[in-house]
């Protein structure tokens, strides 16, 4: 004999399906969140191994220090006499020019959009 259900009542099997669906939806949401966290924690593929990206603020500060050093060296070079009569004057000029070349190379490096620092 088949029992008729009253109005407004749910069949017993439907309640189990609704519960299973709710559990499944919560698991899917949990899996999506775990996948987002996993992707966020992946290392940046553009960064070479053993390096980190330098902070923009730190990079700008270093660049400012280099520019000030370059200005000082240029002033020192301009204050030297034009004639290189003595060995000391010749060596001083060469030393200042080599330091200036190093600073120019460093300015080129720190002027890039991303600067990588090697980790210890």
Protein backbone atom coordinates (compact mmCIF):
# COMPACT_ATOMS: atom_id res chain seq x y z
CA UNK A 1 0.00 0.00 0.00
CA UNK A 2 1.30 3.41 -0.96
CA UNK A 3 1.00 6.16 1.57
CA UNK A 4 0.21 9.57 0.32
CA UNK A 5 2.21 12.35 1.77
CA UNK A 6 0.51 15.36 3.12
CA UNK A 7 0.85 18.73 1.58
CA UNK A 8 4.08 20.63 2.40
CA UNK A 9 6.08 17.60 3.46
CA UNK A 10 9.16 16.51 1.63
CA UNK A 11 9.93 12.95 0.73
CA UNK A 12 12.67 11.45 2.91
CA UNK A 13 14.99 10.86 -0.05
CA UNK A 14 14.79 14.50 -1.13
CA UNK A 15 16.08 15.71 2.23
CA UNK A 16 19.15 13.50 1.88
CA UNK A 17 19.76 14.84 -1.64
CA UNK A 18 19.54 18.45 -0.41
CA UNK A 19 22.01 17.71 2.41
CA UNK A 20 24.39 15.99 0.00
CA UNK A 21 24.15 18.95 -2.37
CA UNK A 22 24.94 21.41 0.44
CA UNK A 23 27.94 19.35 1.50
CA UNK A 24 29.14 19.12 -2.09
CA UNK A 25 28.82 22.90 -2.58
CA UNK A 26 30.78 23.62 0.59
CA UNK A 27 33.52 21.19 -0.47
CA UNK A 28 33.76 22.80 -3.92
CA UNK A 29 34.11 26.22 -2.28
CA UNK A 30 36.79 24.85 0.05
CA UNK A 31 38.71 23.31 -2.88
CA UNK A 32 38.57 26.60 -4.80
CA UNK A 33 39.93 28.49 -1.80
CA UNK A 34 42.73 25.93 -1.34
CA UNK A 35 43.61 26.25 -5.04
CA UNK A 36 43.73 30.07 -4.75
CA UNK A 37 46.08 29.78 -1.76
CA UNK A 38 48.27 27.27 -3.59
CA UNK A 39 48.58 29.53 -6.64
CA UNK A 40 49.28 32.57 -4.44
CA UNK A 41 52.10 30.71 -2.67
CA UNK A 42 53.80 29.53 -5.87
CA UNK A 43 57.13 31.22 -6.54
CA UNK A 44 57.22 33.80 -9.33
CA UNK A 45 58.50 32.00 -12.46
CA UNK A 46 60.20 35.18 -13.73
CA UNK A 47 62.51 35.39 -10.69
CA UNK A 48 65.77 33.45 -11.10
CA UNK A 49 66.38 30.71 -8.54
CA UNK A 50 68.12 31.96 -5.41
CA UNK A 51 67.02 35.57 -5.97
CA UNK A 52 64.29 37.88 -4.68
CA UNK A 53 62.79 41.01 -6.20
CA UNK A 54 64.06 44.23 -4.62
CA UNK A 55 61.41 46.45 -3.04
CA UNK A 56 60.56 49.53 -5.13
CA UNK A 57 61.18 51.94 -2.26
CA UNK A 58 64.57 50.41 -1.50
CA UNK A 59 65.46 50.49 -5.21
CA UNK A 60 64.56 54.20 -5.46
CA UNK A 61 66.62 55.03 -2.35
CA UNK A 62 69.64 53.19 -3.75
CA UNK A 63 69.24 54.95 -7.08
CA UNK A 64 69.13 58.33 -5.33
CA UNK A 65 72.33 57.53 -3.41
CA UNK A 66 74.04 56.51 -6.66
CA UNK A 67 72.97 59.70 -8.42
CA UNK A 68 74.31 61.83 -5.55
CA UNK A 69 77.61 59.91 -5.63
CA UNK A 70 77.84 60.46 -9.39
CA UNK A 71 77.32 64.21 -8.94
CA UNK A 72 80.09 64.36 -6.30
CA UNK A 73 82.51 62.44 -8.51
CA UNK A 74 81.77 64.68 -11.48
CA UNK A 75 82.43 67.74 -9.32
CA UNK A 76 85.75 66.26 -8.20
CA UNK A 77 86.70 65.50 -11.80
CA UNK A 78 85.83 69.03 -12.88
CA UNK A 79 87.93 70.50 -10.08
CA UNK A 80 91.06 68.66 -11.23
CA UNK A 81 93.50 70.64 -13.35
CA UNK A 82 93.39 69.97 -17.08
CA UNK A 83 97.03 69.04 -17.28
CA UNK A 84 98.12 65.62 -16.08
CA UNK A 85 101.71 66.59 -15.27
CA UNK A 86 102.17 64.46 -12.18
CA UNK A 87 101.73 60.78 -11.63
CA UNK A 88 99.54 61.46 -8.60
CA UNK A 89 97.18 63.64 -10.63
CA UNK A 90 97.07 61.05 -13.40
CA UNK A 91 96.26 58.24 -10.91
CA UNK A 92 93.60 60.36 -9.18
CA UNK A 93 91.88 61.09 -12.49
CA UNK A 94 91.95 57.41 -13.49
CA UNK A 95 90.59 56.37 -10.10
CA UNK A 96 87.73 58.88 -10.28
CA UNK A 97 86.88 57.83 -13.84
CA UNK A 98 86.80 54.13 -12.89
CA UNK A 99 84.53 54.88 -9.89
CA UNK A 100 82.31 56.93 -12.19
CA UNK A 101 82.07 54.02 -14.64
CA UNK A 102 81.07 51.66 -11.80
CA UNK A 103 78.39 54.06 -10.62
CA UNK A 104 77.05 54.42 -14.19
CA UNK A 105 76.75 50.63 -14.44
CA UNK A 106 74.96 50.48 -11.08
CA UNK A 107 72.57 53.27 -12.16
CA UNK A 108 71.71 51.25 -15.28
CA UNK A 109 70.96 48.19 -13.13
CA UNK A 110 68.82 50.05 -10.59
CA UNK A 111 66.94 51.94 -13.31
CA UNK A 112 65.33 48.71 -14.51
CA UNK A 113 61.70 48.05 -13.60
CA UNK A 114 62.62 44.96 -11.54
CA UNK A 115 65.90 44.40 -9.71
CA UNK A 116 66.80 40.95 -8.40
CA UNK A 117 68.90 40.46 -5.26
CA UNK A 118 70.78 37.24 -4.69
CA UNK A 119 69.84 35.52 -1.42
CA UNK A 120 72.52 34.23 0.92
